[in-house]
C-alpha atoms as a PDB file:
ATOM      1  CA  UNK A   1      62.575 -28.909 -98.174  1.00  0.00           C
ATOM      2  CA  UNK A   2      62.752 -25.645-100.105  1.00  0.00           C
ATOM      3  CA  UNK A   3      59.741 -26.455-102.273  1.00  0.00           C
ATOM      4  CA  UNK A   4      56.729 -28.599-101.639  1.00  0.00           C
ATOM      5  CA  UNK A   5      57.982 -31.376-103.926  1.00  0.00           C
ATOM      6  CA  UNK A   6      61.442 -32.009-102.431  1.00  0.00           C
ATOM      7  CA  UNK A   7      60.251 -34.251 -99.618  1.00  0.00           C
ATOM      8  CA  UNK A   8      58.021 -36.261-101.934  1.00  0.00           C
ATOM      9  CA  UNK A   9      60.804 -36.560-104.518  1.00  0.00           C
ATOM     10  CA  UNK A  10      63.197 -37.884-101.871  1.00  0.00           C
ATOM     11  CA  UNK A  11      60.570 -40.266-100.530  1.00  0.00           C
ATOM     12  CA  UNK A  12      59.846 -41.590-104.027  1.00  0.00           C
ATOM     13  CA  UNK A  13      63.530 -41.837-104.987  1.00  0.00           C
ATOM     14  CA  UNK A  14      64.209 -44.048-101.966  1.00  0.00           C
ATOM     15  CA  UNK A  15      60.869 -45.904-102.105  1.00  0.00           C
ATOM     16  CA  UNK A  16      59.868 -44.736 -98.626  1.00  0.00           C
ATOM     17  CA  UNK A  17      56.203 -44.987 -97.685  1.00  0.00           C
ATOM     18  CA  UNK A  18      54.237 -42.508 -95.593  1.00  0.00           C
ATOM     19  CA  UNK A  19      54.031 -45.148 -92.861  1.00  0.00           C
ATOM     20  CA  UNK A  20      57.803 -45.672 -92.741  1.00  0.00           C
ATOM     21  CA  UNK A  21      58.568 -41.964 -92.664  1.00  0.00           C
ATOM     22  CA  UNK A  22      55.785 -41.246 -90.190  1.00  0.00           C
ATOM     23  CA  UNK A  23      57.010 -43.968 -87.843  1.00  0.00           C
ATOM     24  CA  UNK A  24      60.558 -42.648 -87.784  1.00  0.00           C
ATOM     25  CA  UNK A  25      59.546 -38.988 -87.638  1.00  0.00           C
ATOM     26  CA  UNK A  26      56.938 -39.497 -84.940  1.00  0.00           C
ATOM     27  CA  UNK A  27      54.273 -37.872 -87.112  1.00  0.00           C
ATOM     28  CA  UNK A  28      51.154 -39.085 -88.892  1.00  0.00           C
ATOM     29  CA  UNK A  29      51.121 -39.963 -92.567  1.00  0.00           C
ATOM     30  CA  UNK A  30      48.435 -37.327 -93.065  1.00  0.00           C
ATOM     31  CA  UNK A  31      50.699 -34.658 -91.568  1.00  0.00           C
ATOM     32  CA  UNK A  32      53.553 -35.670 -93.856  1.00  0.00           C
ATOM     33  CA  UNK A  33      51.220 -35.552 -96.835  1.00  0.00           C
ATOM     34  CA  UNK A  34      50.154 -32.029 -95.907  1.00  0.00           C
ATOM     35  CA  UNK A  35      53.809 -30.988 -95.646  1.00  0.00           C
ATOM     36  CA  UNK A  36      54.534 -32.486 -99.074  1.00  0.00           C
ATOM     37  CA  UNK A  37      51.584 -30.627-100.581  1.00  0.00           C
ATOM     38  CA  UNK A  38      52.682 -27.330 -99.056  1.00  0.00           C
ATOM     39  CA  UNK A  39      49.600 -27.089 -96.822  1.00  0.00           C
ATOM     40  CA  UNK A  40      51.873 -26.870 -93.782  1.00  0.00           C
ATOM     41  CA  UNK A  41      54.830 -24.522 -93.770  1.00  0.00           C
ATOM     42  CA  UNK A  42      58.049 -26.398 -93.088  1.00  0.00           C
ATOM     43  CA  UNK A  43      59.893 -24.889 -90.146  1.00  0.00           C
ATOM     44  CA  UNK A  44      63.604 -25.485 -89.683  1.00  0.00           C
ATOM     45  CA  UNK A  45      62.765 -27.873 -86.826  1.00  0.00           C
ATOM     46  CA  UNK A  46      60.431 -29.865 -89.088  1.00  0.00           C
ATOM     47  CA  UNK A  47      63.070 -29.969 -91.835  1.00  0.00           C
ATOM     48  CA  UNK A  48      65.616 -31.378 -89.387  1.00  0.00           C
ATOM     49  CA  UNK A  49      63.063 -33.906 -88.105  1.00  0.00           C
ATOM     50  CA  UNK A  50      62.152 -35.075 -91.617  1.00  0.00           C
ATOM     51  CA  UNK A  51      65.779 -35.214 -92.712  1.00  0.00           C
ATOM     52  CA  UNK A  52      66.685 -37.348 -89.694  1.00  0.00           C
ATOM     53  CA  UNK A  53      63.713 -39.640 -90.351  1.00  0.00           C
ATOM     54  CA  UNK A  54      64.670 -40.088 -94.025  1.00  0.00           C
ATOM     55  CA  UNK A  55      68.252 -40.855 -93.026  1.00  0.00           C
ATOM     56  CA  UNK A  56      67.039 -43.329 -90.385  1.00  0.00           C
ATOM     57  CA  UNK A  57      64.907 -45.270 -92.882  1.00  0.00           C
ATOM     58  CA  UNK A  58      67.740 -45.370 -95.418  1.00  0.00           C
ATOM     59  CA  UNK A  59      70.279 -46.401 -92.756  1.00  0.00           C
ATOM     60  CA  UNK A  60      67.987 -49.168 -91.540  1.00  0.00           C
ATOM     61  CA  UNK A  61      67.677 -50.529 -95.066  1.00  0.00           C
ATOM     62  CA  UNK A  62      71.428 -50.330 -95.569  1.00  0.00           C
ATOM     63  CA  UNK A  63      72.019 -52.280 -92.316  1.00  0.00           C
ATOM     64  CA  UNK A  64      69.433 -54.896 -93.310  1.00  0.00           C
ATOM     65  CA  UNK A  65      71.049 -55.286 -96.727  1.00  0.00           C
ATOM     66  CA  UNK A  66      74.512 -55.628 -95.222  1.00  0.00           C
ATOM     67  CA  UNK A  67      73.165 -58.220 -92.787  1.00  0.00           C
ATOM     68  CA  UNK A  68      71.585 -60.186 -95.620  1.00  0.00           C
ATOM     69  CA  UNK A  69      74.818 -60.078 -97.601  1.00  0.00           C
ATOM     70  CA  UNK A  70      76.775 -61.167 -94.531  1.00  0.00           C
ATOM     71  CA  UNK A  71      74.446 -64.130 -93.964  1.00  0.00           C
ATOM     72  CA  UNK A  72      74.778 -65.123 -97.608  1.00  0.00           C
ATOM     73  CA  UNK A  73      78.591 -65.094 -97.402  1.00  0.00           C
ATOM     74  CA  UNK A  74      78.817 -66.396 -93.813  1.00  0.00           C
ATOM     75  CA  UNK A  75      76.047 -68.945 -93.166  1.00  0.00           C
ATOM     76  CA  UNK A  76      77.153 -69.356 -89.518  1.00  0.00           C
ATOM     77  CA  UNK A  77      75.808 -65.867 -88.825  1.00  0.00           C
ATOM     78  CA  UNK A  78      72.362 -67.016 -89.961  1.00  0.00           C
ATOM     79  CA  UNK A  79      72.437 -69.930 -87.494  1.00  0.00           C
ATOM     80  CA  UNK A  80      73.273 -67.599 -84.621  1.00  0.00           C
ATOM     81  CA  UNK A  81      77.025 -68.040 -84.830  1.00  0.00           C
ATOM     82  CA  UNK A  82      77.609 -64.376 -85.593  1.00  0.00           C
ATOM     83  CA  UNK A  83      76.624 -61.206 -83.814  1.00  0.00           C
ATOM     84  CA  UNK A  84      74.839 -58.352 -85.504  1.00  0.00           C
ATOM     85  CA  UNK A  85      73.115 -55.645 -83.439  1.00  0.00           C
ATOM     86  CA  UNK A  86      69.475 -55.046 -84.249  1.00  0.00           C
ATOM     87  CA  UNK A  87      68.888 -51.557 -85.586  1.00  0.00           C
ATOM     88  CA  UNK A  88      65.346 -50.273 -85.568  1.00  0.00           C
ATOM     89  CA  UNK A  89      66.345 -47.214 -87.600  1.00  0.00           C
ATOM     90  CA  UNK A  90      63.733 -44.997 -85.966  1.00  0.00           C
ATOM     91  CA  UNK A  91      64.292 -41.966 -83.848  1.00  0.00           C
ATOM     92  CA  UNK A  92      64.053 -41.850 -80.104  1.00  0.00           C
ATOM     93  CA  UNK A  93      61.075 -40.024 -78.665  1.00  0.00           C
ATOM     94  CA  UNK A  94      61.750 -36.322 -78.872  1.00  0.00           C
ATOM     95  CA  UNK A  95      63.457 -36.447 -82.271  1.00  0.00           C
ATOM     96  CA  UNK A  96      67.004 -36.635 -80.963  1.00  0.00           C
ATOM     97  CA  UNK A  97      68.148 -37.836 -84.388  1.00  0.00           C
ATOM     98  CA  UNK A  98      69.913 -40.937 -83.116  1.00  0.00           C
ATOM     99  CA  UNK A  99      68.918 -44.451 -84.161  1.00  0.00           C
ATOM    100  CA  UNK A 100      67.549 -46.782 -81.518  1.00  0.00           C
ATOM    101  CA  UNK A 101      69.621 -49.935 -81.094  1.00  0.00           C
ATOM    102  CA  UNK A 102      68.399 -53.122 -79.522  1.00  0.00           C
END
């Protein structure tokens, strides 16, 4: 997040809303907005937290897309005949950077 527009550019490029990023980062949408506008100085800890949250949202979408494609090609999975772990895609409390499964 070297400049104030990098976070916003990444969010826009991946169509990520404030609410999605805030949920995964454990921050408010207002706080994220202030970071994007340069009103809050991004510390290295905040950069890691935001990066992990962006990756979590993108990973969640990727898993959902793969699941949808699997169901389309294997209808038994849609009827409960297949197993696919639920991935919330958000970080554990404390920003450990690992997705929560279950």
